[in-house]
Amino acid sequence: YFCSSKHDCQLAEKYGHAGMARLLATGITGKPIKDIS
């Protein structure tokens, strides 16, 4: 995303680092990623 875009940064903050990692992992694995907590 664009670090120069307030909208993008707010959207990334909504998901947090763990959520952004899950989006990437979903693409890499080809399957939904479930949390473990």
PDB file of all heavy atoms in Angstrom:
ATOM      1  N   TYR A   1       0.859  -1.186   0.000  1.00  0.00           N
ATOM      2  CA  TYR A   1       0.000   0.000   0.000  1.00  0.00           C
ATOM      3  C   TYR A   1       0.890   1.229   0.000  1.00  0.00           C
ATOM      4  O   TYR A   1       2.125   1.122   0.066  1.00  0.00           O
ATOM      5  CB  TYR A   1      -0.969   0.002   1.189  1.00  0.00           C
ATOM      6  CG  TYR A   1      -0.319   0.042   2.560  1.00  0.00           C
ATOM      7  CD1 TYR A   1      -0.088   1.257   3.222  1.00  0.00           C
ATOM      8  CD2 TYR A   1       0.044  -1.129   3.225  1.00  0.00           C
ATOM      9  CE1 TYR A   1       0.492   1.292   4.481  1.00  0.00           C
ATOM     10  CE2 TYR A   1       0.616  -1.097   4.482  1.00  0.00           C
ATOM     11  CZ  TYR A   1       0.837   0.115   5.114  1.00  0.00           C
ATOM     12  OH  TYR A   1       1.409   0.148   6.360  1.00  0.00           O
ATOM     13  N   PHE A   2       0.290   2.415  -0.101  1.00  0.00           N
ATOM     14  CA  PHE A   2       1.055   3.660  -0.163  1.00  0.00           C
ATOM     15  C   PHE A   2       1.199   4.258   1.240  1.00  0.00           C
ATOM     16  O   PHE A   2       0.186   4.573   1.886  1.00  0.00           O
ATOM     17  CB  PHE A   2       0.369   4.665  -1.078  1.00  0.00           C
ATOM     18  CG  PHE A   2       0.645   4.459  -2.543  1.00  0.00           C
ATOM     19  CD1 PHE A   2      -0.016   3.457  -3.239  1.00  0.00           C
ATOM     20  CD2 PHE A   2       1.559   5.253  -3.219  1.00  0.00           C
ATOM     21  CE1 PHE A   2       0.231   3.255  -4.591  1.00  0.00           C
ATOM     22  CE2 PHE A   2       1.816   5.052  -4.577  1.00  0.00           C
ATOM     23  CZ  PHE A   2       1.148   4.055  -5.260  1.00  0.00           C
ATOM     24  N   CYS A   3       2.442   4.417   1.677  1.00  0.00           N
ATOM     25  CA  CYS A   3       2.659   5.055   2.971  1.00  0.00           C
ATOM     26  C   CYS A   3       2.363   6.551   2.891  1.00  0.00           C
ATOM     27  O   CYS A   3       2.241   7.223   3.921  1.00  0.00           O
ATOM     28  CB  CYS A   3       4.077   4.816   3.474  1.00  0.00           C
ATOM     29  SG  CYS A   3       5.388   5.616   2.519  1.00  0.00           S
ATOM     30  N   SER A   4       2.214   7.074   1.680  1.00  0.00           N
ATOM     31  CA  SER A   4       1.884   8.476   1.466  1.00  0.00           C
ATOM     32  C   SER A   4       0.369   8.719   1.389  1.00  0.00           C
ATOM     33  O   SER A   4      -0.075   9.854   1.231  1.00  0.00           O
ATOM     34  CB  SER A   4       2.538   8.971   0.169  1.00  0.00           C
ATOM     35  OG  SER A   4       2.211   8.116  -0.919  1.00  0.00           O
ATOM     36  N   SER A   5      -0.410   7.643   1.505  1.00  0.00           N
ATOM     37  CA  SER A   5      -1.869   7.736   1.447  1.00  0.00           C
ATOM     38  C   SER A   5      -2.459   7.537   2.839  1.00  0.00           C
ATOM     39  O   SER A   5      -2.309   6.481   3.450  1.00  0.00           O
ATOM     40  CB  SER A   5      -2.433   6.662   0.497  1.00  0.00           C
ATOM     41  OG  SER A   5      -3.815   6.488   0.700  1.00  0.00           O
ATOM     42  N   LYS A   6      -3.145   8.555   3.321  1.00  0.00           N
ATOM     43  CA  LYS A   6      -3.778   8.448   4.639  1.00  0.00           C
ATOM     44  C   LYS A   6      -4.819   7.337   4.641  1.00  0.00           C
ATOM     45  O   LYS A   6      -4.935   6.567   5.605  1.00  0.00           O
ATOM     46  CB  LYS A   6      -4.412   9.786   5.015  1.00  0.00           C
ATOM     47  CG  LYS A   6      -4.912   9.854   6.450  1.00  0.00           C
ATOM     48  CD  LYS A   6      -5.369  11.262   6.787  1.00  0.00           C
ATOM     49  CE  LYS A   6      -5.788  11.359   8.252  1.00  0.00           C
ATOM     50  NZ  LYS A   6      -6.206  12.754   8.595  1.00  0.00           N
ATOM     51  N   HIS A   7      -5.572   7.234   3.552  1.00  0.00           N
ATOM     52  CA  HIS A   7      -6.599   6.189   3.446  1.00  0.00           C
ATOM     53  C   HIS A   7      -5.983   4.805   3.533  1.00  0.00           C
ATOM     54  O   HIS A   7      -6.452   3.936   4.279  1.00  0.00           O
ATOM     55  CB  HIS A   7      -7.355   6.338   2.119  1.00  0.00           C
ATOM     56  CG  HIS A   7      -8.273   5.194   1.811  1.00  0.00           C
ATOM     57  ND1 HIS A   7      -7.876   4.082   1.093  1.00  0.00           N
ATOM     58  CD2 HIS A   7      -9.572   4.979   2.153  1.00  0.00           C
ATOM     59  CE1 HIS A   7      -8.881   3.240   0.995  1.00  0.00           C
ATOM     60  NE2 HIS A   7      -9.925   3.751   1.623  1.00  0.00           N
ATOM     61  N   ASP A   8      -4.929   4.556   2.757  1.00  0.00           N
ATOM     62  CA  ASP A   8      -4.269   3.247   2.774  1.00  0.00           C
ATOM     63  C   ASP A   8      -3.734   2.911   4.159  1.00  0.00           C
ATOM     64  O   ASP A   8      -3.866   1.777   4.643  1.00  0.00           O
ATOM     65  CB  ASP A   8      -3.114   3.225   1.769  1.00  0.00           C
ATOM     66  CG  ASP A   8      -3.537   2.737   0.387  1.00  0.00           C
ATOM     67  OD1 ASP A   8      -4.748   2.567   0.170  1.00  0.00           O
ATOM     68  OD2 ASP A   8      -2.655   2.539  -0.460  1.00  0.00           O
ATOM     69  N   CYS A   9      -3.094   3.894   4.787  1.00  0.00           N
ATOM     70  CA  CYS A   9      -2.488   3.642   6.096  1.00  0.00           C
ATOM     71  C   CYS A   9      -3.556   3.343   7.151  1.00  0.00           C
ATOM     72  O   CYS A   9      -3.364   2.473   8.013  1.00  0.00           O
ATOM     73  CB  CYS A   9      -1.628   4.830   6.518  1.00  0.00           C
ATOM     74  SG  CYS A   9      -0.128   5.028   5.515  1.00  0.00           S
ATOM     75  N   GLN A  10      -4.683   4.039   7.075  1.00  0.00           N
ATOM     76  CA  GLN A  10      -5.769   3.759   8.017  1.00  0.00           C
ATOM     77  C   GLN A  10      -6.343   2.361   7.792  1.00  0.00           C
ATOM     78  O   GLN A  10      -6.675   1.655   8.756  1.00  0.00           O
ATOM     79  CB  GLN A  10      -6.872   4.815   7.871  1.00  0.00           C
ATOM     80  CG  GLN A  10      -6.482   6.180   8.407  1.00  0.00           C
ATOM     81  CD  GLN A  10      -7.543   7.239   8.152  1.00  0.00           C
ATOM     82  OE1 GLN A  10      -8.374   7.118   7.238  1.00  0.00           O
ATOM     83  NE2 GLN A  10      -7.537   8.292   8.957  1.00  0.00           N
ATOM     84  N   LEU A  11      -6.423   1.942   6.526  1.00  0.00           N
ATOM     85  CA  LEU A  11      -6.917   0.598   6.221  1.00  0.00           C
ATOM     86  C   LEU A  11      -5.940  -0.457   6.736  1.00  0.00           C
ATOM     87  O   LEU A  11      -6.354  -1.476   7.318  1.00  0.00           O
ATOM     88  CB  LEU A  11      -7.118   0.463   4.714  1.00  0.00           C
ATOM     89  CG  LEU A  11      -7.823  -0.796   4.196  1.00  0.00           C
ATOM     90  CD1 LEU A  11      -9.172  -0.989   4.877  1.00  0.00           C
ATOM     91  CD2 LEU A  11      -8.002  -0.708   2.684  1.00  0.00           C
ATOM     92  N   ALA A  12      -4.647  -0.222   6.552  1.00  0.00           N
ATOM     93  CA  ALA A  12      -3.640  -1.159   7.057  1.00  0.00           C
ATOM     94  C   ALA A  12      -3.682  -1.231   8.580  1.00  0.00           C
ATOM     95  O   ALA A  12      -3.526  -2.313   9.167  1.00  0.00           O
ATOM     96  CB  ALA A  12      -2.259  -0.737   6.580  1.00  0.00           C
ATOM     97  N   GLU A  13      -3.900  -0.093   9.235  1.00  0.00           N
ATOM     98  CA  GLU A  13      -3.981  -0.070  10.698  1.00  0.00           C
ATOM     99  C   GLU A  13      -5.192  -0.864  11.187  1.00  0.00           C
ATOM    100  O   GLU A  13      -5.158  -1.479  12.261  1.00  0.00           O
ATOM    101  CB  GLU A  13      -4.061   1.372  11.188  1.00  0.00           C
ATOM    102  CG  GLU A  13      -2.767   2.141  11.049  1.00  0.00           C
ATOM    103  CD  GLU A  13      -2.939   3.638  11.259  1.00  0.00           C
ATOM    104  OE1 GLU A  13      -4.037   4.057  11.698  1.00  0.00           O
ATOM    105  OE2 GLU A  13      -1.983   4.389  10.970  1.00  0.00           O
ATOM    106  N   LYS A  14      -6.263  -0.858  10.404  1.00  0.00           N
ATOM    107  CA  LYS A  14      -7.462  -1.628  10.753  1.00  0.00           C
ATOM    108  C   LYS A  14      -7.136  -3.113  10.890  1.00  0.00           C
ATOM    109  O   LYS A  14      -7.625  -3.787  11.808  1.00  0.00           O
ATOM    110  CB  LYS A  14      -8.534  -1.414   9.679  1.00  0.00           C
ATOM    111  CG  LYS A  14      -9.748  -2.322   9.806  1.00  0.00           C
ATOM    112  CD  LYS A  14     -10.673  -2.138   8.614  1.00  0.00           C
ATOM    113  CE  LYS A  14     -11.790  -3.179   8.613  1.00  0.00           C
ATOM    114  NZ  LYS A  14     -12.680  -3.044   7.417  1.00  0.00           N
ATOM    115  N   TYR A  15      -6.279  -3.608   9.994  1.00  0.00           N
ATOM    116  CA  TYR A  15      -5.939  -5.035  10.020  1.00  0.00           C
ATOM    117  C   TYR A  15      -4.759  -5.326  10.937  1.00  0.00           C
ATOM    118  O   TYR A  15      -4.637  -6.436  11.458  1.00  0.00           O
ATOM    119  CB  TYR A  15      -5.651  -5.526   8.597  1.00  0.00           C
ATOM    120  CG  TYR A  15      -6.893  -5.589   7.758  1.00  0.00           C
ATOM    121  CD1 TYR A  15      -7.204  -4.563   6.872  1.00  0.00           C
ATOM    122  CD2 TYR A  15      -7.774  -6.652   7.862  1.00  0.00           C
ATOM    123  CE1 TYR A  15      -8.358  -4.599   6.109  1.00  0.00           C
ATOM    124  CE2 TYR A  15      -8.934  -6.702   7.113  1.00  0.00           C
ATOM    125  CZ  TYR A  15      -9.224  -5.671   6.233  1.00  0.00           C
ATOM    126  OH  TYR A  15     -10.379  -5.711   5.493  1.00  0.00           O
ATOM    127  N   GLY A  16      -3.892  -4.348  11.147  1.00  0.00           N
ATOM    128  CA  GLY A  16      -2.720  -4.567  11.978  1.00  0.00           C
ATOM    129  C   GLY A  16      -1.685  -5.422  11.262  1.00  0.00           C
ATOM    130  O   GLY A  16      -1.927  -5.950  10.170  1.00  0.00           O
ATOM    131  N   HIS A  17      -0.526  -5.555  11.873  1.00  0.00           N
ATOM    132  CA  HIS A  17       0.554  -6.324  11.245  1.00  0.00           C
ATOM    133  C   HIS A  17       0.157  -7.788  11.060  1.00  0.00           C
ATOM    134  O   HIS A  17       0.437  -8.389  10.022  1.00  0.00           O
ATOM    135  CB  HIS A  17       1.826  -6.228  12.090  1.00  0.00           C
ATOM    136  CG  HIS A  17       2.321  -4.821  12.238  1.00  0.00           C
ATOM    137  ND1 HIS A  17       2.729  -4.305  13.441  1.00  0.00           N
ATOM    138  CD2 HIS A  17       2.436  -3.812  11.336  1.00  0.00           C
ATOM    139  CE1 HIS A  17       3.101  -3.050  13.273  1.00  0.00           C
ATOM    140  NE2 HIS A  17       2.923  -2.727  12.007  1.00  0.00           N
ATOM    141  N   ALA A  18      -0.521  -8.353  12.060  1.00  0.00           N
ATOM    142  CA  ALA A  18      -0.938  -9.755  11.960  1.00  0.00           C
ATOM    143  C   ALA A  18      -1.963  -9.938  10.845  1.00  0.00           C
ATOM    144  O   ALA A  18      -1.915 -10.914  10.096  1.00  0.00           O
ATOM    145  CB  ALA A  18      -1.504 -10.236  13.288  1.00  0.00           C
ATOM    146  N   GLY A  19      -2.896  -8.995  10.732  1.00  0.00           N
ATOM    147  CA  GLY A  19      -3.905  -9.089   9.691  1.00  0.00           C
ATOM    148  C   GLY A  19      -3.328  -8.931   8.300  1.00  0.00           C
ATOM    149  O   GLY A  19      -3.741  -9.624   7.366  1.00  0.00           O
ATOM    150  N   MET A  20      -2.374  -8.026   8.143  1.00  0.00           N
ATOM    151  CA  MET A  20      -1.716  -7.860   6.841  1.00  0.00           C
ATOM    152  C   MET A  20      -0.947  -9.127   6.469  1.00  0.00           C
ATOM    153  O   MET A  20      -0.948  -9.555   5.317  1.00  0.00           O
ATOM    154  CB  MET A  20      -0.788  -6.655   6.879  1.00  0.00           C
ATOM    155  CG  MET A  20      -1.500  -5.324   7.096  1.00  0.00           C
ATOM    156  SD  MET A  20      -2.589  -4.861   5.725  1.00  0.00           S
ATOM    157  CE  MET A  20      -1.369  -4.364   4.502  1.00  0.00           C
ATOM    158  N   ALA A  21      -0.301  -9.729   7.466  1.00  0.00           N
ATOM    159  CA  ALA A  21       0.407 -10.985   7.218  1.00  0.00           C
ATOM    160  C   ALA A  21      -0.556 -12.076   6.790  1.00  0.00           C
ATOM    161  O   ALA A  21      -0.250 -12.888   5.906  1.00  0.00           O
ATOM    162  CB  ALA A  21       1.177 -11.411   8.465  1.00  0.00           C
ATOM    163  N   ARG A  22      -1.751 -12.102   7.368  1.00  0.00           N
ATOM    164  CA  ARG A  22      -2.743 -13.112   6.989  1.00  0.00           C
ATOM    165  C   ARG A  22      -3.200 -12.925   5.538  1.00  0.00           C
ATOM    166  O   ARG A  22      -3.421 -13.901   4.823  1.00  0.00           O
ATOM    167  CB  ARG A  22      -3.950 -13.070   7.931  1.00  0.00           C
ATOM    168  CG  ARG A  22      -3.689 -13.682   9.294  1.00  0.00           C
ATOM    169  CD  ARG A  22      -4.992 -13.974  10.026  1.00  0.00           C
ATOM    170  NE  ARG A  22      -5.771 -12.762  10.240  1.00  0.00           N
ATOM    171  CZ  ARG A  22      -5.612 -11.935  11.253  1.00  0.00           C
ATOM    172  NH1 ARG A  22      -4.673 -12.172  12.148  1.00  0.00           N
ATOM    173  NH2 ARG A  22      -6.373 -10.866  11.380  1.00  0.00           N
ATOM    174  N   LEU A  23      -3.343 -11.680   5.100  1.00  0.00           N
ATOM    175  CA  LEU A  23      -3.724 -11.442   3.704  1.00  0.00           C
ATOM    176  C   LEU A  23      -2.650 -11.973   2.758  1.00  0.00           C
ATOM    177  O   LEU A  23      -2.953 -12.640   1.763  1.00  0.00           O
ATOM    178  CB  LEU A  23      -3.933  -9.946   3.470  1.00  0.00           C
ATOM    179  CG  LEU A  23      -5.100  -9.279   4.200  1.00  0.00           C
ATOM    180  CD1 LEU A  23      -5.124  -7.780   3.914  1.00  0.00           C
ATOM    181  CD2 LEU A  23      -6.424  -9.918   3.807  1.00  0.00           C
ATOM    182  N   LEU A  24      -1.394 -11.691   3.075  1.00  0.00           N
ATOM    183  CA  LEU A  24      -0.296 -12.200   2.244  1.00  0.00           C
ATOM    184  C   LEU A  24      -0.241 -13.723   2.274  1.00  0.00           C
ATOM    185  O   LEU A  24      -0.059 -14.375   1.241  1.00  0.00           O
ATOM    186  CB  LEU A  24       1.027 -11.620   2.730  1.00  0.00           C
ATOM    187  CG  LEU A  24       1.216 -10.116   2.521  1.00  0.00           C
ATOM    188  CD1 LEU A  24       2.342  -9.596   3.405  1.00  0.00           C
ATOM    189  CD2 LEU A  24       1.502  -9.795   1.061  1.00  0.00           C
ATOM    190  N   ALA A  25      -0.412 -14.301   3.465  1.00  0.00           N
ATOM    191  CA  ALA A  25      -0.355 -15.755   3.606  1.00  0.00           C
ATOM    192  C   ALA A  25      -1.500 -16.432   2.868  1.00  0.00           C
ATOM    193  O   ALA A  25      -1.335 -17.523   2.310  1.00  0.00           O
ATOM    194  CB  ALA A  25      -0.368 -16.149   5.082  1.00  0.00           C
ATOM    195  N   THR A  26      -2.662 -15.796   2.842  1.00  0.00           N
ATOM    196  CA  THR A  26      -3.789 -16.327   2.076  1.00  0.00           C
ATOM    197  C   THR A  26      -3.423 -16.438   0.599  1.00  0.00           C
ATOM    198  O   THR A  26      -3.717 -17.435  -0.063  1.00  0.00           O
ATOM    199  CB  THR A  26      -5.025 -15.434   2.257  1.00  0.00           C
ATOM    200  OG1 THR A  26      -5.435 -15.467   3.625  1.00  0.00           O
ATOM    201  CG2 THR A  26      -6.179 -15.902   1.379  1.00  0.00           C
ATOM    202  N   GLY A  27      -2.751 -15.409   0.083  1.00  0.00           N
ATOM    203  CA  GLY A  27      -2.327 -15.447  -1.310  1.00  0.00           C
ATOM    204  C   GLY A  27      -1.252 -16.473  -1.578  1.00  0.00           C
ATOM    205  O   GLY A  27      -1.254 -17.143  -2.613  1.00  0.00           O
ATOM    206  N   ILE A  28      -0.326 -16.618  -0.653  1.00  0.00           N
ATOM    207  CA  ILE A  28       0.796 -17.543  -0.850  1.00  0.00           C
ATOM    208  C   ILE A  28       0.346 -18.997  -0.735  1.00  0.00           C
ATOM    209  O   ILE A  28       0.735 -19.847  -1.535  1.00  0.00           O
ATOM    210  CB  ILE A  28       1.927 -17.231   0.144  1.00  0.00           C
ATOM    211  CG1 ILE A  28       2.549 -15.864  -0.185  1.00  0.00           C
ATOM    212  CG2 ILE A  28       3.007 -18.318   0.121  1.00  0.00           C
ATOM    213  CD1 ILE A  28       3.487 -15.334   0.881  1.00  0.00           C
ATOM    214  N   THR A  29      -0.493 -19.286   0.242  1.00  0.00           N
ATOM    215  CA  THR A  29      -0.925 -20.670   0.466  1.00  0.00           C
ATOM    216  C   THR A  29      -2.109 -21.058  -0.420  1.00  0.00           C
ATOM    217  O   THR A  29      -2.328 -22.241  -0.685  1.00  0.00           O
ATOM    218  CB  THR A  29      -1.336 -20.897   1.930  1.00  0.00           C
ATOM    219  OG1 THR A  29      -2.477 -20.068   2.234  1.00  0.00           O
ATOM    220  CG2 THR A  29      -0.190 -20.559   2.873  1.00  0.00           C
ATOM    221  N   GLY A  30      -2.887 -20.075  -0.835  1.00  0.00           N
ATOM    222  CA  GLY A  30      -4.075 -20.378  -1.622  1.00  0.00           C
ATOM    223  C   GLY A  30      -5.241 -20.874  -0.789  1.00  0.00           C
ATOM    224  O   GLY A  30      -6.191 -21.461  -1.321  1.00  0.00           O
ATOM    225  N   LYS A  31      -5.219 -20.607   0.530  1.00  0.00           N
ATOM    226  CA  LYS A  31      -6.315 -21.031   1.394  1.00  0.00           C
ATOM    227  C   LYS A  31      -6.504 -20.010   2.507  1.00  0.00           C
ATOM    228  O   LYS A  31      -5.553 -19.292   2.857  1.00  0.00           O
ATOM    229  CB  LYS A  31      -6.036 -22.414   1.989  1.00  0.00           C
ATOM    230  CG  LYS A  31      -4.765 -22.489   2.833  1.00  0.00           C
ATOM    231  CD  LYS A  31      -4.474 -23.907   3.269  1.00  0.00           C
ATOM    232  CE  LYS A  31      -3.187 -23.970   4.114  1.00  0.00           C
ATOM    233  NZ  LYS A  31      -2.858 -25.350   4.503  1.00  0.00           N
ATOM    234  N   PRO A  32      -7.712 -19.909   3.061  1.00  0.00           N
ATOM    235  CA  PRO A  32      -7.942 -18.967   4.154  1.00  0.00           C
ATOM    236  C   PRO A  32      -7.053 -19.294   5.353  1.00  0.00           C
ATOM    237  O   PRO A  32      -6.827 -20.456   5.679  1.00  0.00           O
ATOM    238  CB  PRO A  32      -9.422 -19.180   4.499  1.00  0.00           C
ATOM    239  CG  PRO A  32     -10.020 -19.807   3.290  1.00  0.00           C
ATOM    240  CD  PRO A  32      -8.933 -20.645   2.692  1.00  0.00           C
ATOM    241  N   ILE A  33      -6.538 -18.256   5.982  1.00  0.00           N
ATOM    242  CA  ILE A  33      -5.662 -18.435   7.138  1.00  0.00           C
ATOM    243  C   ILE A  33      -6.444 -18.120   8.408  1.00  0.00           C
ATOM    244  O   ILE A  33      -7.014 -17.035   8.537  1.00  0.00           O
ATOM    245  CB  ILE A  33      -4.429 -17.513   7.034  1.00  0.00           C
ATOM    246  CG1 ILE A  33      -3.640 -17.820   5.766  1.00  0.00           C
ATOM    247  CG2 ILE A  33      -3.557 -17.638   8.265  1.00  0.00           C
ATOM    248  CD1 ILE A  33      -3.066 -19.223   5.703  1.00  0.00           C
ATOM    249  N   LYS A  34      -6.472 -19.059   9.323  1.00  0.00           N
ATOM    250  CA  LYS A  34      -7.211 -18.880  10.567  1.00  0.00           C
ATOM    251  C   LYS A  34      -6.251 -18.525  11.700  1.00  0.00           C
ATOM    252  O   LYS A  34      -5.137 -19.019  11.772  1.00  0.00           O
ATOM    253  CB  LYS A  34      -7.981 -20.162  10.924  1.00  0.00           C
ATOM    254  CG  LYS A  34      -9.016 -20.545   9.881  1.00  0.00           C
ATOM    255  CD  LYS A  34      -9.761 -21.803  10.293  1.00  0.00           C
ATOM    256  CE  LYS A  34     -10.798 -22.203   9.260  1.00  0.00           C
ATOM    257  NZ  LYS A  34     -11.532 -23.421   9.641  1.00  0.00           N
ATOM    258  N   ASP A  35      -6.712 -17.656  12.580  1.00  0.00           N
ATOM    259  CA  ASP A  35      -5.907 -17.263  13.733  1.00  0.00           C
ATOM    260  C   ASP A  35      -5.768 -18.409  14.720  1.00  0.00           C
ATOM    261  O   ASP A  35      -6.634 -19.287  14.816  1.00  0.00           O
ATOM    262  CB  ASP A  35      -6.562 -16.095  14.469  1.00  0.00           C
ATOM    263  CG  ASP A  35      -6.329 -14.781  13.766  1.00  0.00           C
ATOM    264  OD1 ASP A  35      -5.287 -14.625  13.114  1.00  0.00           O
ATOM    265  OD2 ASP A  35      -7.197 -13.908  13.884  1.00  0.00           O
ATOM    266  N   ILE A  36      -4.691 -18.382  15.472  1.00  0.00           N
ATOM    267  CA  ILE A  36      -4.537 -19.266  16.625  1.00  0.00           C
ATOM    268  C   ILE A  36      -4.317 -18.374  17.832  1.00  0.00           C
ATOM    269  O   ILE A  36      -3.317 -17.657  17.914  1.00  0.00           O
ATOM    270  CB  ILE A  36      -3.353 -20.246  16.458  1.00  0.00           C
ATOM    271  CG1 ILE A  36      -3.590 -21.168  15.256  1.00  0.00           C
ATOM    272  CG2 ILE A  36      -3.170 -21.077  17.720  1.00  0.00           C
ATOM    273  CD1 ILE A  36      -2.466 -22.162  15.013  1.00  0.00           C
ATOM    274  N   SER A  37      -5.259 -18.379  18.737  1.00  0.00           N
ATOM    275  CA  SER A  37      -5.177 -17.535  19.923  1.00  0.00           C
ATOM    276  C   SER A  37      -5.994 -18.199  21.027  1.00  0.00           C
ATOM    277  O   SER A  37      -6.437 -19.354  20.888  1.00  0.00           O
ATOM    278  CB  SER A  37      -5.712 -16.132  19.621  1.00  0.00           C
ATOM    279  OG  SER A  37      -7.042 -16.195  19.149  1.00  0.00           O
TER     280      SER A  37
END
